[in-house]
C-alpha atoms as a PDB file:
ATOM      1  CA  MET A   1       0.000   0.000   0.000  1.00  0.00           C
ATOM      2  CA  PRO A   2       1.296   3.533  -0.782  1.00  0.00           C
ATOM      3  CA  ALA A   3       2.511   5.697   2.084  1.00  0.00           C
ATOM      4  CA  ILE A   4      -0.274   7.378   4.058  1.00  0.00           C
ATOM      5  CA  PRO A   5       0.572  11.051   4.702  1.00  0.00           C
ATOM      6  CA  PRO A   6       0.556  11.537   8.480  1.00  0.00           C
ATOM      7  CA  HIS A   7      -0.732  15.138   8.440  1.00  0.00           C
ATOM      8  CA  LEU A   8      -4.095  14.348   6.796  1.00  0.00           C
ATOM      9  CA  SER A   9      -7.374  13.200   8.327  1.00  0.00           C
ATOM     10  CA  TYR A  10      -9.254  10.324   6.682  1.00  0.00           C
ATOM     11  CA  THR A  11     -12.742   8.889   6.335  1.00  0.00           C
ATOM     12  CA  ARG A  12     -13.637   5.214   6.348  1.00  0.00           C
ATOM     13  CA  ASP A  13     -14.720   5.759   2.719  1.00  0.00           C
ATOM     14  CA  HIS A  14     -11.155   6.662   1.623  1.00  0.00           C
ATOM     15  CA  GLU A  15     -11.420  10.442   1.370  1.00  0.00           C
ATOM     16  CA  TRP A  16      -8.934  12.756   3.036  1.00  0.00           C
ATOM     17  CA  LEU A  17      -9.260  16.253   4.507  1.00  0.00           C
ATOM     18  CA  HIS A  18      -6.599  18.815   5.399  1.00  0.00           C
ATOM     19  CA  ASP A  19      -7.115  22.549   5.944  1.00  0.00           C
ATOM     20  CA  GLY A  20     -10.416  22.277   4.069  1.00  0.00           C
ATOM     21  CA  ARG A  21      -8.835  20.601   1.042  1.00  0.00           C
ATOM     22  CA  VAL A  22     -10.474  17.306   0.025  1.00  0.00           C
ATOM     23  CA  GLY A  23      -9.243  14.354  -1.999  1.00  0.00           C
ATOM     24  CA  ILE A  24      -9.342  10.601  -2.236  1.00  0.00           C
ATOM     25  CA  THR A  25      -6.585   8.370  -0.948  1.00  0.00           C
ATOM     26  CA  ALA A  26      -4.032   6.537  -3.050  1.00  0.00           C
ATOM     27  CA  PHE A  27      -5.723   3.307  -1.912  1.00  0.00           C
ATOM     28  CA  ALA A  28      -9.018   4.498  -3.440  1.00  0.00           C
ATOM     29  CA  ALA A  29      -7.351   5.806  -6.603  1.00  0.00           C
ATOM     30  CA  ASP A  30      -5.543   2.477  -7.090  1.00  0.00           C
ATOM     31  CA  ALA A  31      -8.768   0.511  -6.503  1.00  0.00           C
ATOM     32  CA  LEU A  32     -10.653   2.629  -9.035  1.00  0.00           C
ATOM     33  CA  GLY A  33      -8.079   2.204 -11.781  1.00  0.00           C
ATOM     34  CA  ASP A  34      -7.517   4.821 -14.471  1.00  0.00           C
ATOM     35  CA  ILE A  35      -9.710   7.813 -13.657  1.00  0.00           C
ATOM     36  CA  VAL A  36     -11.228   9.348 -16.800  1.00  0.00           C
ATOM     37  CA  TYR A  37     -13.754  11.862 -15.430  1.00  0.00           C
ATOM     38  CA  VAL A  38     -14.421  13.694 -12.158  1.00  0.00           C
ATOM     39  CA  ARG A  39     -17.702  15.505 -11.362  1.00  0.00           C
ATOM     40  CA  LEU A  40     -17.107  17.880  -8.467  1.00  0.00           C
ATOM     41  CA  PRO A  41     -19.612  19.894  -6.440  1.00  0.00           C
ATOM     42  CA  ASP A  42     -20.336  23.436  -7.643  1.00  0.00           C
ATOM     43  CA  LEU A  43     -18.679  26.464  -6.078  1.00  0.00           C
ATOM     44  CA  GLY A  44     -20.861  27.679  -3.233  1.00  0.00           C
ATOM     45  CA  ALA A  45     -22.558  24.294  -2.802  1.00  0.00           C
ATOM     46  CA  THR A  46     -23.239  23.159   0.735  1.00  0.00           C
ATOM     47  CA  VAL A  47     -22.114  19.597   1.415  1.00  0.00           C
ATOM     48  CA  THR A  48     -22.779  17.249   4.317  1.00  0.00           C
ATOM     49  CA  ALA A  49     -20.343  14.709   5.723  1.00  0.00           C
ATOM     50  CA  GLY A  50     -20.975  11.229   4.366  1.00  0.00           C
ATOM     51  CA  VAL A  51     -23.401  12.417   1.686  1.00  0.00           C
ATOM     52  CA  PRO A  52     -22.575  12.103  -2.037  1.00  0.00           C
ATOM     53  CA  CYS A  53     -21.422  15.385  -3.580  1.00  0.00           C
ATOM     54  CA  GLY A  54     -19.855  14.232  -6.847  1.00  0.00           C
ATOM     55  CA  GLU A  55     -18.667  11.264  -8.876  1.00  0.00           C
ATOM     56  CA  ILE A  56     -15.406   9.739  -9.990  1.00  0.00           C
ATOM     57  CA  GLU A  57     -15.506   7.689 -13.185  1.00  0.00           C
ATOM     58  CA  SER A  58     -12.781   5.231 -14.049  1.00  0.00           C
ATOM     59  CA  THR A  59     -12.298   2.659 -16.743  1.00  0.00           C
ATOM     60  CA  LYS A  60     -13.689   0.138 -14.227  1.00  0.00           C
ATOM     61  CA  SER A  61     -16.688   1.904 -12.647  1.00  0.00           C
ATOM     62  CA  VAL A  62     -18.399   5.067 -11.475  1.00  0.00           C
ATOM     63  CA  SER A  63     -18.077   5.813  -7.746  1.00  0.00           C
ATOM     64  CA  GLU A  64     -19.819   8.387  -5.611  1.00  0.00           C
ATOM     65  CA  LEU A  65     -17.640  11.012  -4.001  1.00  0.00           C
ATOM     66  CA  LEU A  66     -18.666  11.523  -0.376  1.00  0.00           C
ATOM     67  CA  ALA A  67     -18.027  14.741   1.506  1.00  0.00           C
ATOM     68  CA  PRO A  68     -15.620  14.150   4.418  1.00  0.00           C
ATOM     69  CA  ALA A  69     -17.026  17.105   6.399  1.00  0.00           C
ATOM     70  CA  ASP A  70     -19.868  19.616   6.471  1.00  0.00           C
ATOM     71  CA  GLY A  71     -19.175  22.885   4.698  1.00  0.00           C
ATOM     72  CA  THR A  72     -19.392  25.133   1.681  1.00  0.00           C
ATOM     73  CA  VAL A  73     -17.334  24.538  -1.450  1.00  0.00           C
ATOM     74  CA  VAL A  74     -14.980  27.503  -1.899  1.00  0.00           C
ATOM     75  CA  GLU A  75     -12.655  26.128  -4.586  1.00  0.00           C
ATOM     76  CA  VAL A  76     -12.507  23.251  -7.067  1.00  0.00           C
ATOM     77  CA  ASN A  77      -9.458  21.805  -8.762  1.00  0.00           C
ATOM     78  CA  ALA A  78     -10.095  23.046 -12.305  1.00  0.00           C
ATOM     79  CA  ALA A  79      -7.092  21.090 -13.620  1.00  0.00           C
ATOM     80  CA  LEU A  80      -9.071  17.857 -13.217  1.00  0.00           C
ATOM     81  CA  ALA A  81     -11.450  18.839 -16.032  1.00  0.00           C
ATOM     82  CA  GLU A  82      -8.589  18.504 -18.509  1.00  0.00           C
ATOM     83  CA  GLU A  83      -6.484  15.950 -16.653  1.00  0.00           C
ATOM     84  CA  PRO A  84      -8.573  13.701 -14.339  1.00  0.00           C
ATOM     85  CA  GLY A  85      -5.663  11.236 -14.160  1.00  0.00           C
ATOM     86  CA  LEU A  86      -3.948  13.621 -11.727  1.00  0.00           C
ATOM     87  CA  VAL A  87      -6.029  11.874  -9.064  1.00  0.00           C
ATOM     88  CA  ASN A  88      -4.215   8.627  -9.902  1.00  0.00           C
ATOM     89  CA  ASP A  89      -0.794  10.201 -10.365  1.00  0.00           C
ATOM     90  CA  ASP A  90      -0.717  12.477  -7.304  1.00  0.00           C
ATOM     91  CA  PRO A  91      -3.817  12.047  -5.104  1.00  0.00           C
ATOM     92  CA  TYR A  92      -2.409  14.000  -2.150  1.00  0.00           C
ATOM     93  CA  GLU A  93      -1.067  17.050  -3.988  1.00  0.00           C
ATOM     94  CA  ARG A  94      -1.968  17.952  -7.590  1.00  0.00           C
ATOM     95  CA  GLY A  95      -4.927  15.517  -7.643  1.00  0.00           C
ATOM     96  CA  TRP A  96      -6.892  17.151  -4.804  1.00  0.00           C
ATOM     97  CA  LEU A  97     -10.601  17.590  -5.603  1.00  0.00           C
ATOM     98  CA  PHE A  98     -12.117  20.626  -3.882  1.00  0.00           C
ATOM     99  CA  LYS A  99     -11.751  22.903  -0.882  1.00  0.00           C
ATOM    100  CA  LEU A 100     -14.329  23.495   1.843  1.00  0.00           C
ATOM    101  CA  ALA A 101     -15.038  26.217   4.316  1.00  0.00           C
ATOM    102  CA  VAL A 102     -15.579  23.544   6.972  1.00  0.00           C
ATOM    103  CA  THR A 103     -18.532  24.034   9.319  1.00  0.00           C
ATOM    104  CA  GLY A 104     -18.444  20.634  11.020  1.00  0.00           C
ATOM    105  CA  THR A 105     -16.368  17.478  10.982  1.00  0.00           C
ATOM    106  CA  PRO A 106     -17.424  13.983  11.910  1.00  0.00           C
ATOM    107  CA  ASP A 107     -15.100  11.554  13.598  1.00  0.00           C
ATOM    108  CA  LEU A 108     -12.192  11.380  11.178  1.00  0.00           C
ATOM    109  CA  LEU A 109      -9.333   8.903  11.334  1.00  0.00           C
ATOM    110  CA  ASP A 110      -5.690   9.762  11.834  1.00  0.00           C
ATOM    111  CA  ALA A 111      -3.072   8.172   9.578  1.00  0.00           C
ATOM    112  CA  ALA A 112      -2.475   5.204  11.911  1.00  0.00           C
ATOM    113  CA  ALA A 113      -6.183   4.360  12.167  1.00  0.00           C
ATOM    114  CA  TYR A 114      -6.640   4.738   8.408  1.00  0.00           C
ATOM    115  CA  THR A 115      -3.621   2.520   7.736  1.00  0.00           C
ATOM    116  CA  ALA A 116      -5.146  -0.147   9.989  1.00  0.00           C
ATOM    117  CA  LEU A 117      -8.463   0.141   8.123  1.00  0.00           C
ATOM    118  CA  ALA A 118      -7.054   0.122   4.596  1.00  0.00           C
ATOM    119  CA  GLY A 119      -4.134  -2.201   5.243  1.00  0.00           C
END
Protein backbone atom coordinates (compact mmCIF):
# COMPACT_ATOMS: atom_id res chain seq x y z
CA MET A 1 0.00 0.00 0.00
CA PRO A 2 1.30 3.53 -0.78
CA ALA A 3 2.51 5.70 2.08
CA ILE A 4 -0.27 7.38 4.06
CA PRO A 5 0.57 11.05 4.70
CA PRO A 6 0.56 11.54 8.48
CA HIS A 7 -0.73 15.14 8.44
CA LEU A 8 -4.09 14.35 6.80
CA SER A 9 -7.37 13.20 8.33
CA TYR A 10 -9.25 10.32 6.68
CA THR A 11 -12.74 8.89 6.33
CA ARG A 12 -13.64 5.21 6.35
CA ASP A 13 -14.72 5.76 2.72
CA HIS A 14 -11.15 6.66 1.62
CA GLU A 15 -11.42 10.44 1.37
CA TRP A 16 -8.93 12.76 3.04
CA LEU A 17 -9.26 16.25 4.51
CA HIS A 18 -6.60 18.82 5.40
CA ASP A 19 -7.12 22.55 5.94
CA GLY A 20 -10.42 22.28 4.07
CA ARG A 21 -8.84 20.60 1.04
CA VAL A 22 -10.47 17.31 0.03
CA GLY A 23 -9.24 14.35 -2.00
CA ILE A 24 -9.34 10.60 -2.24
CA THR A 25 -6.58 8.37 -0.95
CA ALA A 26 -4.03 6.54 -3.05
CA PHE A 27 -5.72 3.31 -1.91
CA ALA A 28 -9.02 4.50 -3.44
CA ALA A 29 -7.35 5.81 -6.60
CA ASP A 30 -5.54 2.48 -7.09
CA ALA A 31 -8.77 0.51 -6.50
CA LEU A 32 -10.65 2.63 -9.04
CA GLY A 33 -8.08 2.20 -11.78
CA ASP A 34 -7.52 4.82 -14.47
CA ILE A 35 -9.71 7.81 -13.66
CA VAL A 36 -11.23 9.35 -16.80
CA TYR A 37 -13.75 11.86 -15.43
CA VAL A 38 -14.42 13.69 -12.16
CA ARG A 39 -17.70 15.51 -11.36
CA LEU A 40 -17.11 17.88 -8.47
CA PRO A 41 -19.61 19.89 -6.44
CA ASP A 42 -20.34 23.44 -7.64
CA LEU A 43 -18.68 26.46 -6.08
CA GLY A 44 -20.86 27.68 -3.23
CA ALA A 45 -22.56 24.29 -2.80
CA THR A 46 -23.24 23.16 0.74
CA VAL A 47 -22.11 19.60 1.42
CA THR A 48 -22.78 17.25 4.32
CA ALA A 49 -20.34 14.71 5.72
CA GLY A 50 -20.97 11.23 4.37
CA VAL A 51 -23.40 12.42 1.69
CA PRO A 52 -22.57 12.10 -2.04
CA CYS A 53 -21.42 15.38 -3.58
CA GLY A 54 -19.85 14.23 -6.85
CA GLU A 55 -18.67 11.26 -8.88
CA ILE A 56 -15.41 9.74 -9.99
CA GLU A 57 -15.51 7.69 -13.19
CA SER A 58 -12.78 5.23 -14.05
CA THR A 59 -12.30 2.66 -16.74
CA LYS A 60 -13.69 0.14 -14.23
CA SER A 61 -16.69 1.90 -12.65
CA VAL A 62 -18.40 5.07 -11.47
CA SER A 63 -18.08 5.81 -7.75
CA GLU A 64 -19.82 8.39 -5.61
CA LEU A 65 -17.64 11.01 -4.00
CA LEU A 66 -18.67 11.52 -0.38
CA ALA A 67 -18.03 14.74 1.51
CA PRO A 68 -15.62 14.15 4.42
CA ALA A 69 -17.03 17.10 6.40
CA ASP A 70 -19.87 19.62 6.47
CA GLY A 71 -19.18 22.88 4.70
CA THR A 72 -19.39 25.13 1.68
CA VAL A 73 -17.33 24.54 -1.45
CA VAL A 74 -14.98 27.50 -1.90
CA GLU A 75 -12.65 26.13 -4.59
CA VAL A 76 -12.51 23.25 -7.07
CA ASN A 77 -9.46 21.80 -8.76
CA ALA A 78 -10.10 23.05 -12.31
CA ALA A 79 -7.09 21.09 -13.62
CA LEU A 80 -9.07 17.86 -13.22
CA ALA A 81 -11.45 18.84 -16.03
CA GLU A 82 -8.59 18.50 -18.51
CA GLU A 83 -6.48 15.95 -16.65
CA PRO A 84 -8.57 13.70 -14.34
CA GLY A 85 -5.66 11.24 -14.16
CA LEU A 86 -3.95 13.62 -11.73
CA VAL A 87 -6.03 11.87 -9.06
CA ASN A 88 -4.22 8.63 -9.90
CA ASP A 89 -0.79 10.20 -10.36
CA ASP A 90 -0.72 12.48 -7.30
CA PRO A 91 -3.82 12.05 -5.10
CA TYR A 92 -2.41 14.00 -2.15
CA GLU A 93 -1.07 17.05 -3.99
CA ARG A 94 -1.97 17.95 -7.59
CA GLY A 95 -4.93 15.52 -7.64
CA TRP A 96 -6.89 17.15 -4.80
CA LEU A 97 -10.60 17.59 -5.60
CA PHE A 98 -12.12 20.63 -3.88
CA LYS A 99 -11.75 22.90 -0.88
CA LEU A 100 -14.33 23.49 1.84
CA ALA A 101 -15.04 26.22 4.32
CA VAL A 102 -15.58 23.54 6.97
CA THR A 103 -18.53 24.03 9.32
CA GLY A 104 -18.44 20.63 11.02
CA THR A 105 -16.37 17.48 10.98
CA PRO A 106 -17.42 13.98 11.91
CA ASP A 107 -15.10 11.55 13.60
CA LEU A 108 -12.19 11.38 11.18
CA LEU A 109 -9.33 8.90 11.33
CA ASP A 110 -5.69 9.76 11.83
CA ALA A 111 -3.07 8.17 9.58
CA ALA A 112 -2.48 5.20 11.91
CA ALA A 113 -6.18 4.36 12.17
CA TYR A 114 -6.64 4.74 8.41
CA THR A 115 -3.62 2.52 7.74
CA ALA A 116 -5.15 -0.15 9.99
CA LEU A 117 -8.46 0.14 8.12
CA ALA A 118 -7.05 0.12 4.60
CA GLY A 119 -4.13 -2.20 5.24
